[in-house]
Amino acid sequence: MAHNRLSDIRANLIDDARLKRVNSVLSKYQRRPDSLIEVLHVVQESYGYIPLPMMRFVAQELRLPPSRLYGVVTFYHFFSTKPKGKHTCVLCTGTACHVKGSKAILSAIQKRFDVAVGEVTRDGELGLQTARCLGCCSLGPVAVVDDEIVAKTDAQGMLAILEKKVSSR
């Protein structure tokens, strides 16, 4: 269910489990502005991303300017303003991983799944992201696929993992 206006969001607090969860965490932290990160994590977990109307809702509930929420959401890599896809692949493009072949892996994923970085495949099955460093330099090239680390792989190995995930609908 899409919510486009604050009045729609408030009207659906009773019926929508996602909104109930967000409202619950707002209440838990007494709508304090310093609870912003915790509240955003719950929005992200509930929706799979942070929709703009939810940013406005949270901003109003925490009495913060919407620009502050937008700044936080776009600063931290974990948060996303776009749906991420049923499956996610975050590929490290840091120096160590780049030297060990992450560029070839990225190119292979983009070609095979017809997806750009920061986007989701047309069928919504796979979202592709890159990160400057995942902190696993000795295991490079590294990716995180559906919250699992994939280390020391190559383009063929990564494609096999992703094809298995995407085809197991």
N, C-alpha and C. Protein backbone atom coordinates (compact mmCIF):
# COMPACT_ATOMS: atom_id res chain seq x y z
N MET A 1 0.84 -1.16 0.00
CA MET A 1 0.00 0.00 0.00
C MET A 1 0.90 1.24 0.00
N ALA A 2 0.71 2.11 -0.96
CA ALA A 2 1.51 3.33 -1.04
C ALA A 2 0.83 4.43 -0.24
N HIS A 3 1.63 5.20 0.44
CA HIS A 3 1.12 6.33 1.22
C HIS A 3 1.76 7.58 0.65
N ASN A 4 0.95 8.51 0.16
CA ASN A 4 1.49 9.69 -0.47
C ASN A 4 1.33 10.96 0.35
N ARG A 5 0.42 10.97 1.29
CA ARG A 5 0.20 12.17 2.08
C ARG A 5 0.23 11.80 3.56
N LEU A 6 0.58 12.79 4.37
CA LEU A 6 0.61 12.54 5.81
C LEU A 6 -0.75 12.11 6.33
N SER A 7 -1.81 12.68 5.76
CA SER A 7 -3.16 12.29 6.20
C SER A 7 -3.43 10.83 5.87
N ASP A 8 -2.93 10.34 4.72
CA ASP A 8 -3.08 8.93 4.36
C ASP A 8 -2.33 8.05 5.36
N ILE A 9 -1.15 8.49 5.74
CA ILE A 9 -0.34 7.71 6.67
C ILE A 9 -1.05 7.60 8.01
N ARG A 10 -1.50 8.72 8.53
CA ARG A 10 -2.19 8.70 9.83
C ARG A 10 -3.47 7.88 9.77
N ALA A 11 -4.20 7.95 8.66
CA ALA A 11 -5.44 7.19 8.52
C ALA A 11 -5.19 5.69 8.52
N ASN A 12 -3.99 5.28 8.08
CA ASN A 12 -3.68 3.85 7.97
C ASN A 12 -2.92 3.30 9.17
N LEU A 13 -2.72 4.10 10.21
CA LEU A 13 -1.99 3.62 11.39
C LEU A 13 -2.66 2.42 12.03
N ILE A 14 -3.97 2.32 11.91
CA ILE A 14 -4.70 1.22 12.54
C ILE A 14 -4.54 -0.08 11.75
N ASP A 15 -4.52 0.01 10.42
CA ASP A 15 -4.56 -1.19 9.58
C ASP A 15 -3.20 -1.67 9.06
N ASP A 16 -2.26 -0.80 8.90
CA ASP A 16 -1.01 -1.15 8.26
C ASP A 16 0.02 -1.58 9.31
N ALA A 17 0.46 -2.84 9.24
CA ALA A 17 1.41 -3.37 10.23
C ALA A 17 2.74 -2.61 10.19
N ARG A 18 3.15 -2.18 9.00
CA ARG A 18 4.40 -1.42 8.90
C ARG A 18 4.31 -0.11 9.66
N LEU A 19 3.20 0.57 9.47
CA LEU A 19 3.00 1.85 10.16
C LEU A 19 2.87 1.66 11.66
N LYS A 20 2.23 0.58 12.06
CA LYS A 20 2.12 0.29 13.50
C LYS A 20 3.51 0.12 14.10
N ARG A 21 4.38 -0.57 13.37
CA ARG A 21 5.74 -0.81 13.85
C ARG A 21 6.51 0.51 13.98
N VAL A 22 6.38 1.37 12.98
CA VAL A 22 7.05 2.67 13.02
C VAL A 22 6.49 3.51 14.17
N ASN A 23 5.18 3.54 14.29
CA ASN A 23 4.56 4.32 15.36
C ASN A 23 4.97 3.78 16.74
N SER A 24 5.12 2.48 16.84
CA SER A 24 5.53 1.86 18.09
C SER A 24 6.93 2.32 18.50
N VAL A 25 7.85 2.36 17.55
CA VAL A 25 9.21 2.80 17.89
C VAL A 25 9.23 4.30 18.18
N LEU A 26 8.39 5.07 17.50
CA LEU A 26 8.28 6.50 17.82
C LEU A 26 7.82 6.68 19.27
N SER A 27 6.84 5.89 19.66
CA SER A 27 6.34 5.96 21.04
C SER A 27 7.39 5.48 22.03
N LYS A 28 8.08 4.39 21.68
CA LYS A 28 9.12 3.84 22.56
C LYS A 28 10.16 4.90 22.91
N TYR A 29 10.55 5.68 21.92
CA TYR A 29 11.56 6.71 22.12
C TYR A 29 10.95 8.08 22.41
N GLN A 30 9.66 8.09 22.72
CA GLN A 30 8.94 9.31 23.11
C GLN A 30 9.08 10.42 22.08
N ARG A 31 9.18 10.03 20.82
CA ARG A 31 9.28 10.98 19.70
C ARG A 31 10.41 12.00 19.89
N ARG A 32 11.49 11.54 20.53
CA ARG A 32 12.65 12.40 20.75
C ARG A 32 13.46 12.50 19.45
N PRO A 33 13.91 13.69 19.11
CA PRO A 33 14.71 13.87 17.88
C PRO A 33 15.98 13.02 17.85
N ASP A 34 16.56 12.71 19.02
CA ASP A 34 17.79 11.92 19.04
C ASP A 34 17.54 10.43 18.74
N SER A 35 16.30 10.05 18.51
CA SER A 35 15.98 8.67 18.15
C SER A 35 15.92 8.48 16.63
N LEU A 36 16.30 9.49 15.89
CA LEU A 36 16.16 9.48 14.43
C LEU A 36 16.73 8.23 13.77
N ILE A 37 17.96 7.87 14.09
CA ILE A 37 18.59 6.72 13.43
C ILE A 37 17.82 5.43 13.73
N GLU A 38 17.43 5.22 14.97
CA GLU A 38 16.66 4.03 15.33
C GLU A 38 15.34 3.98 14.58
N VAL A 39 14.65 5.10 14.50
CA VAL A 39 13.36 5.16 13.81
C VAL A 39 13.57 4.87 12.32
N LEU A 40 14.59 5.46 11.73
CA LEU A 40 14.86 5.21 10.30
C LEU A 40 15.18 3.75 10.03
N HIS A 41 15.89 3.10 10.95
CA HIS A 41 16.17 1.67 10.78
C HIS A 41 14.86 0.87 10.73
N VAL A 42 13.92 1.22 11.58
CA VAL A 42 12.64 0.51 11.60
C VAL A 42 11.86 0.79 10.31
N VAL A 43 11.88 2.01 9.83
CA VAL A 43 11.21 2.33 8.56
C VAL A 43 11.84 1.50 7.44
N GLN A 44 13.18 1.48 7.40
CA GLN A 44 13.90 0.73 6.36
C GLN A 44 13.55 -0.77 6.44
N GLU A 45 13.55 -1.33 7.64
CA GLU A 45 13.23 -2.74 7.80
C GLU A 45 11.78 -3.03 7.42
N SER A 46 10.89 -2.11 7.71
CA SER A 46 9.47 -2.32 7.46
C SER A 46 9.10 -2.21 5.98
N TYR A 47 9.71 -1.28 5.29
CA TYR A 47 9.36 -1.01 3.89
C TYR A 47 10.37 -1.57 2.90
N GLY A 48 11.57 -1.88 3.37
CA GLY A 48 12.63 -2.31 2.46
C GLY A 48 13.42 -1.13 1.92
N TYR A 49 12.94 0.06 2.16
CA TYR A 49 13.58 1.31 1.81
C TYR A 49 12.86 2.41 2.59
N ILE A 50 13.26 3.66 2.40
CA ILE A 50 12.61 4.75 3.12
C ILE A 50 11.88 5.64 2.13
N PRO A 51 10.57 5.43 2.00
CA PRO A 51 9.79 6.25 1.06
C PRO A 51 9.76 7.72 1.50
N LEU A 52 9.73 8.63 0.55
CA LEU A 52 9.69 10.05 0.84
C LEU A 52 8.54 10.44 1.77
N PRO A 53 7.32 9.92 1.56
CA PRO A 53 6.24 10.27 2.49
C PRO A 53 6.54 9.84 3.93
N MET A 54 7.26 8.73 4.11
CA MET A 54 7.61 8.29 5.45
C MET A 54 8.67 9.21 6.05
N MET A 55 9.55 9.75 5.21
CA MET A 55 10.52 10.73 5.72
C MET A 55 9.78 11.95 6.26
N ARG A 56 8.78 12.40 5.51
CA ARG A 56 8.01 13.56 5.95
C ARG A 56 7.27 13.25 7.25
N PHE A 57 6.70 12.05 7.32
CA PHE A 57 5.97 11.63 8.52
C PHE A 57 6.88 11.61 9.74
N VAL A 58 8.03 10.96 9.60
CA VAL A 58 8.98 10.86 10.71
C VAL A 58 9.49 12.25 11.10
N ALA A 59 9.78 13.08 10.12
CA ALA A 59 10.24 14.45 10.41
C ALA A 59 9.22 15.19 11.25
N GLN A 60 7.96 15.07 10.86
CA GLN A 60 6.93 15.77 11.61
C GLN A 60 6.79 15.19 13.02
N GLU A 61 6.81 13.87 13.12
CA GLU A 61 6.66 13.23 14.43
C GLU A 61 7.81 13.55 15.38
N LEU A 62 9.03 13.68 14.84
CA LEU A 62 10.20 13.97 15.67
C LEU A 62 10.48 15.48 15.75
N ARG A 63 9.65 16.26 15.10
CA ARG A 63 9.81 17.72 15.09
C ARG A 63 11.20 18.12 14.58
N LEU A 64 11.54 17.54 13.42
CA LEU A 64 12.80 17.86 12.76
C LEU A 64 12.52 18.38 11.36
N PRO A 65 13.38 19.21 10.82
CA PRO A 65 13.18 19.64 9.43
C PRO A 65 13.35 18.45 8.48
N PRO A 66 12.50 18.34 7.47
CA PRO A 66 12.63 17.23 6.50
C PRO A 66 14.03 17.17 5.88
N SER A 67 14.68 18.31 5.73
CA SER A 67 16.03 18.33 5.14
C SER A 67 17.02 17.57 6.02
N ARG A 68 16.81 17.57 7.32
CA ARG A 68 17.69 16.84 8.23
C ARG A 68 17.55 15.34 7.99
N LEU A 69 16.31 14.86 7.84
CA LEU A 69 16.10 13.44 7.58
C LEU A 69 16.69 13.04 6.24
N TYR A 70 16.44 13.86 5.24
CA TYR A 70 16.97 13.56 3.91
C TYR A 70 18.50 13.49 3.95
N GLY A 71 19.12 14.41 4.68
CA GLY A 71 20.57 14.40 4.81
C GLY A 71 21.09 13.14 5.47
N VAL A 72 20.42 12.70 6.51
CA VAL A 72 20.83 11.48 7.22
C VAL A 72 20.62 10.25 6.32
N VAL A 73 19.47 10.18 5.68
CA VAL A 73 19.14 9.02 4.83
C VAL A 73 20.12 8.91 3.66
N THR A 74 20.48 10.03 3.06
CA THR A 74 21.38 9.96 1.90
C THR A 74 22.85 9.88 2.30
N PHE A 75 23.18 10.20 3.55
CA PHE A 75 24.56 10.11 4.01
C PHE A 75 24.96 8.67 4.31
N TYR A 76 24.10 7.94 5.01
CA TYR A 76 24.43 6.58 5.43
C TYR A 76 24.10 5.57 4.34
N HIS A 77 25.08 4.73 4.05
CA HIS A 77 24.93 3.75 2.97
C HIS A 77 23.81 2.74 3.23
N PHE A 78 23.55 2.43 4.48
CA PHE A 78 22.53 1.42 4.80
C PHE A 78 21.15 1.85 4.34
N PHE A 79 20.87 3.13 4.42
CA PHE A 79 19.53 3.61 4.06
C PHE A 79 19.40 3.79 2.56
N SER A 80 18.19 3.56 2.08
CA SER A 80 17.92 3.70 0.65
C SER A 80 16.58 4.41 0.45
N THR A 81 16.53 5.26 -0.56
CA THR A 81 15.28 5.95 -0.89
C THR A 81 14.55 5.26 -2.04
N LYS A 82 15.11 4.14 -2.49
CA LYS A 82 14.51 3.37 -3.58
C LYS A 82 14.33 1.92 -3.12
N PRO A 83 13.30 1.24 -3.64
CA PRO A 83 13.18 -0.18 -3.31
C PRO A 83 14.46 -0.91 -3.71
N LYS A 84 14.88 -1.86 -2.88
CA LYS A 84 16.15 -2.53 -3.11
C LYS A 84 16.06 -3.81 -3.95
N GLY A 85 14.91 -4.33 -4.15
CA GLY A 85 14.79 -5.60 -4.86
C GLY A 85 14.65 -6.74 -3.87
N LYS A 86 14.09 -7.83 -4.35
CA LYS A 86 13.90 -9.00 -3.49
C LYS A 86 15.24 -9.51 -2.98
N HIS A 87 16.24 -9.49 -3.82
CA HIS A 87 17.60 -9.88 -3.46
C HIS A 87 18.51 -8.68 -3.66
N THR A 88 19.52 -8.55 -2.81
CA THR A 88 20.45 -7.43 -2.94
C THR A 88 21.88 -7.91 -3.08
N CYS A 89 22.63 -7.18 -3.86
CA CYS A 89 24.05 -7.43 -4.03
C CYS A 89 24.77 -6.10 -3.85
N VAL A 90 25.63 -6.04 -2.83
CA VAL A 90 26.46 -4.86 -2.60
C VAL A 90 27.90 -5.30 -2.87
N LEU A 91 28.48 -4.75 -3.92
CA LEU A 91 29.82 -5.13 -4.34
C LEU A 91 30.83 -4.08 -3.89
N CYS A 92 31.90 -4.52 -3.26
CA CYS A 92 32.94 -3.60 -2.81
C CYS A 92 33.75 -3.14 -4.02
N THR A 93 33.97 -1.83 -4.10
CA THR A 93 34.79 -1.27 -5.17
C THR A 93 36.01 -0.54 -4.60
N GLY A 94 36.34 -0.84 -3.34
CA GLY A 94 37.51 -0.24 -2.72
C GLY A 94 38.78 -0.70 -3.42
N THR A 95 39.89 -0.09 -3.08
CA THR A 95 41.15 -0.33 -3.78
C THR A 95 41.54 -1.81 -3.82
N ALA A 96 41.53 -2.48 -2.68
CA ALA A 96 41.94 -3.89 -2.64
C ALA A 96 41.04 -4.76 -3.52
N CYS A 97 39.74 -4.54 -3.43
CA CYS A 97 38.80 -5.33 -4.23
C CYS A 97 38.91 -4.98 -5.71
N HIS A 98 39.12 -3.70 -6.00
CA HIS A 98 39.28 -3.27 -7.39
C HIS A 98 40.49 -3.97 -8.02
N VAL A 99 41.61 -3.98 -7.30
CA VAL A 99 42.83 -4.62 -7.79
C VAL A 99 42.60 -6.12 -8.00
N LYS A 100 41.74 -6.72 -7.18
CA LYS A 100 41.49 -8.16 -7.24
C LYS A 100 40.33 -8.53 -8.18
N GLY A 101 39.76 -7.55 -8.91
CA GLY A 101 38.80 -7.89 -9.95
C GLY A 101 37.36 -7.48 -9.77
N SER A 102 37.06 -6.58 -8.83
CA SER A 102 35.66 -6.22 -8.63
C SER A 102 35.06 -5.50 -9.85
N LYS A 103 35.90 -4.81 -10.61
CA LYS A 103 35.39 -4.10 -11.80
C LYS A 103 34.83 -5.11 -12.82
N ALA A 104 35.52 -6.21 -13.01
CA ALA A 104 35.05 -7.25 -13.95
C ALA A 104 33.77 -7.90 -13.42
N ILE A 105 33.69 -8.10 -12.12
CA ILE A 105 32.49 -8.69 -11.52
C ILE A 105 31.31 -7.75 -11.71
N LEU A 106 31.52 -6.48 -11.44
CA LEU A 106 30.45 -5.49 -11.61
C LEU A 106 29.96 -5.44 -13.04
N SER A 107 30.87 -5.42 -13.98
CA SER A 107 30.51 -5.39 -15.39
C SER A 107 29.70 -6.63 -15.78
N ALA A 108 30.12 -7.79 -15.29
CA ALA A 108 29.41 -9.04 -15.60
C ALA A 108 27.99 -9.02 -15.04
N ILE A 109 27.83 -8.54 -13.81
CA ILE A 109 26.50 -8.47 -13.19
C ILE A 109 25.61 -7.51 -13.98
N GLN A 110 26.14 -6.35 -14.30
CA GLN A 110 25.36 -5.36 -15.05
C GLN A 110 24.91 -5.91 -16.40
N LYS A 111 25.79 -6.60 -17.08
CA LYS A 111 25.47 -7.15 -18.40
C LYS A 111 24.46 -8.29 -18.29
N ARG A 112 24.71 -9.23 -17.40
CA ARG A 112 23.85 -10.41 -17.28
C ARG A 112 22.44 -10.06 -16.81
N PHE A 113 22.33 -9.14 -15.85
CA PHE A 113 21.02 -8.83 -15.26
C PHE A 113 20.41 -7.52 -15.77
N ASP A 114 21.12 -6.85 -16.68
CA ASP A 114 20.65 -5.58 -17.25
C ASP A 114 20.22 -4.62 -16.14
N VAL A 115 21.16 -4.37 -15.24
CA VAL A 115 20.88 -3.50 -14.09
C VAL A 115 22.06 -2.56 -13.87
N ALA A 116 21.74 -1.32 -13.56
CA ALA A 116 22.78 -0.33 -13.25
C ALA A 116 22.98 -0.26 -11.74
N VAL A 117 24.10 0.26 -11.33
CA VAL A 117 24.38 0.46 -9.90
C VAL A 117 23.34 1.43 -9.33
N GLY A 118 22.79 1.05 -8.19
CA GLY A 118 21.77 1.88 -7.55
C GLY A 118 20.37 1.61 -8.05
N GLU A 119 20.24 0.64 -8.92
CA GLU A 119 18.94 0.32 -9.51
C GLU A 119 18.53 -1.11 -9.17
N VAL A 120 17.32 -1.45 -9.60
CA VAL A 120 16.74 -2.78 -9.40
C VAL A 120 16.36 -3.32 -10.78
N THR A 121 16.50 -4.62 -10.98
CA THR A 121 16.10 -5.22 -12.25
C THR A 121 14.62 -4.96 -12.52
N ARG A 122 14.23 -5.02 -13.77
CA ARG A 122 12.84 -4.73 -14.16
C ARG A 122 11.83 -5.58 -13.40
N ASP A 123 12.20 -6.83 -13.11
CA ASP A 123 11.27 -7.72 -12.41
C ASP A 123 11.32 -7.55 -10.89
N GLY A 124 12.19 -6.64 -10.41
CA GLY A 124 12.28 -6.38 -8.98
C GLY A 124 13.02 -7.44 -8.19
N GLU A 125 13.65 -8.37 -8.87
CA GLU A 125 14.32 -9.48 -8.20
C GLU A 125 15.68 -9.12 -7.61
N LEU A 126 16.45 -8.26 -8.29
CA LEU A 126 17.82 -8.01 -7.86
C LEU A 126 18.13 -6.51 -7.84
N GLY A 127 18.62 -6.05 -6.70
CA GLY A 127 19.10 -4.69 -6.57
C GLY A 127 20.62 -4.72 -6.50
N LEU A 128 21.26 -3.80 -7.22
CA LEU A 128 22.72 -3.76 -7.28
C LEU A 128 23.24 -2.46 -6.68
N GLN A 129 24.14 -2.59 -5.73
CA GLN A 129 24.77 -1.43 -5.08
C GLN A 129 26.28 -1.65 -5.06
N THR A 130 27.00 -0.56 -4.91
CA THR A 130 28.44 -0.66 -4.66
C THR A 130 28.75 0.06 -3.36
N ALA A 131 29.86 -0.30 -2.76
CA ALA A 131 30.33 0.35 -1.54
C ALA A 131 31.82 0.60 -1.69
N ARG A 132 32.29 1.71 -1.14
CA ARG A 132 33.71 2.04 -1.23
C ARG A 132 34.58 1.05 -0.48
N CYS A 133 34.08 0.52 0.61
CA CYS A 133 34.83 -0.50 1.35
C CYS A 133 33.87 -1.24 2.27
N LEU A 134 33.99 -2.55 2.29
CA LEU A 134 33.17 -3.37 3.19
C LEU A 134 33.97 -3.85 4.39
N GLY A 135 35.23 -3.44 4.44
CA GLY A 135 36.06 -3.78 5.60
C GLY A 135 36.58 -5.20 5.61
N CYS A 136 36.61 -5.84 4.46
CA CYS A 136 37.09 -7.23 4.36
C CYS A 136 38.20 -7.32 3.31
N CYS A 137 39.10 -6.39 3.33
CA CYS A 137 40.08 -6.24 2.25
C CYS A 137 40.88 -7.52 1.96
N SER A 138 41.21 -8.28 2.96
CA SER A 138 42.00 -9.49 2.73
C SER A 138 41.17 -10.59 2.07
N LEU A 139 39.86 -10.42 2.02
CA LEU A 139 38.98 -11.43 1.41
C LEU A 139 38.54 -11.05 0.00
N GLY A 140 39.06 -9.97 -0.53
CA GLY A 140 38.61 -9.42 -1.80
C GLY A 140 38.86 -10.32 -2.99
N PRO A 141 38.06 -10.09 -4.01
CA PRO A 141 36.94 -9.16 -4.05
C PRO A 141 35.76 -9.68 -3.21
N VAL A 142 35.07 -8.74 -2.58
CA VAL A 142 34.01 -9.07 -1.64
C VAL A 142 32.69 -8.45 -2.07
N ALA A 143 31.62 -9.18 -1.81
CA ALA A 143 30.26 -8.66 -2.00
C ALA A 143 29.42 -9.14 -0.83
N VAL A 144 28.33 -8.45 -0.60
CA VAL A 144 27.35 -8.92 0.37
C VAL A 144 26.08 -9.19 -0.43
N VAL A 145 25.68 -10.45 -0.45
CA VAL A 145 24.48 -10.87 -1.18
C VAL A 145 23.46 -11.33 -0.15
N ASP A 146 22.36 -10.62 -0.09
CA ASP A 146 21.30 -10.92 0.89
C ASP A 146 21.87 -11.10 2.30
N ASP A 147 22.69 -10.16 2.72
CA ASP A 147 23.28 -10.12 4.07
C ASP A 147 24.31 -11.22 4.34
N GLU A 148 24.77 -11.90 3.30
CA GLU A 148 25.82 -12.91 3.45
C GLU A 148 27.06 -12.47 2.68
N ILE A 149 28.22 -12.56 3.32
CA ILE A 149 29.46 -12.16 2.67
C ILE A 149 29.89 -13.22 1.67
N VAL A 150 30.21 -12.76 0.47
CA VAL A 150 30.76 -13.62 -0.58
C VAL A 150 32.19 -13.12 -0.81
N ALA A 151 33.16 -13.97 -0.53
CA ALA A 151 34.56 -13.55 -0.58
C ALA A 151 35.34 -14.32 -1.63
N LYS A 152 36.43 -13.69 -2.06
CA LYS A 152 37.39 -14.30 -2.99
C LYS A 152 36.69 -14.98 -4.16
N THR A 153 35.86 -14.23 -4.84
CA THR A 153 35.12 -14.79 -5.97
C THR A 153 35.56 -14.10 -7.26
N ASP A 154 35.06 -14.58 -8.36
CA ASP A 154 35.31 -13.95 -9.65
C ASP A 154 33.96 -13.73 -10.32
N ALA A 155 33.98 -13.22 -11.54
CA ALA A 155 32.73 -12.88 -12.23
C ALA A 155 31.84 -14.11 -12.40
N GLN A 156 32.40 -15.23 -12.84
CA GLN A 156 31.61 -16.45 -13.04
C GLN A 156 31.00 -16.94 -11.73
N GLY A 157 31.80 -16.94 -10.67
CA GLY A 157 31.31 -17.38 -9.37
C GLY A 157 30.19 -16.50 -8.85
N MET A 158 30.34 -15.19 -9.00
CA MET A 158 29.31 -14.27 -8.53
C MET A 158 28.03 -14.43 -9.35
N LEU A 159 28.16 -14.57 -10.66
CA LEU A 159 26.98 -14.76 -11.50
C LEU A 159 26.24 -16.04 -11.11
N ALA A 160 26.99 -17.10 -10.82
CA ALA A 160 26.35 -18.36 -10.43
C ALA A 160 25.56 -18.18 -9.13
N ILE A 161 26.14 -17.47 -8.18
CA ILE A 161 25.45 -17.22 -6.90
C ILE A 161 24.19 -16.41 -7.12
N LEU A 162 24.30 -15.34 -7.90
CA LEU A 162 23.14 -14.47 -8.14
C LEU A 162 22.06 -15.16 -8.96
N GLU A 163 22.46 -15.93 -9.96
CA GLU A 163 21.48 -16.64 -10.78
C GLU A 163 20.70 -17.65 -9.94
N LYS A 164 21.39 -18.32 -9.03
CA LYS A 164 20.73 -19.27 -8.15
C LYS A 164 19.71 -18.56 -7.25
N LYS A 165 20.12 -17.42 -6.70
CA LYS A 165 19.22 -16.64 -5.82
C LYS A 165 17.99 -16.16 -6.59
N VAL A 166 18.23 -15.58 -7.74
CA VAL A 166 17.14 -14.98 -8.52
C VAL A 166 16.21 -16.04 -9.09
N SER A 167 16.75 -17.20 -9.45
CA SER A 167 15.89 -18.24 -10.04
C SER A 167 15.15 -19.07 -9.00
N SER A 168 15.48 -18.92 -7.72
CA SER A 168 14.83 -19.72 -6.67
C SER A 168 13.59 -19.00 -6.13
N ARG A 169 12.72 -18.61 -7.00
CA ARG A 169 11.51 -17.86 -6.62
C ARG A 169 10.53 -18.76 -5.99
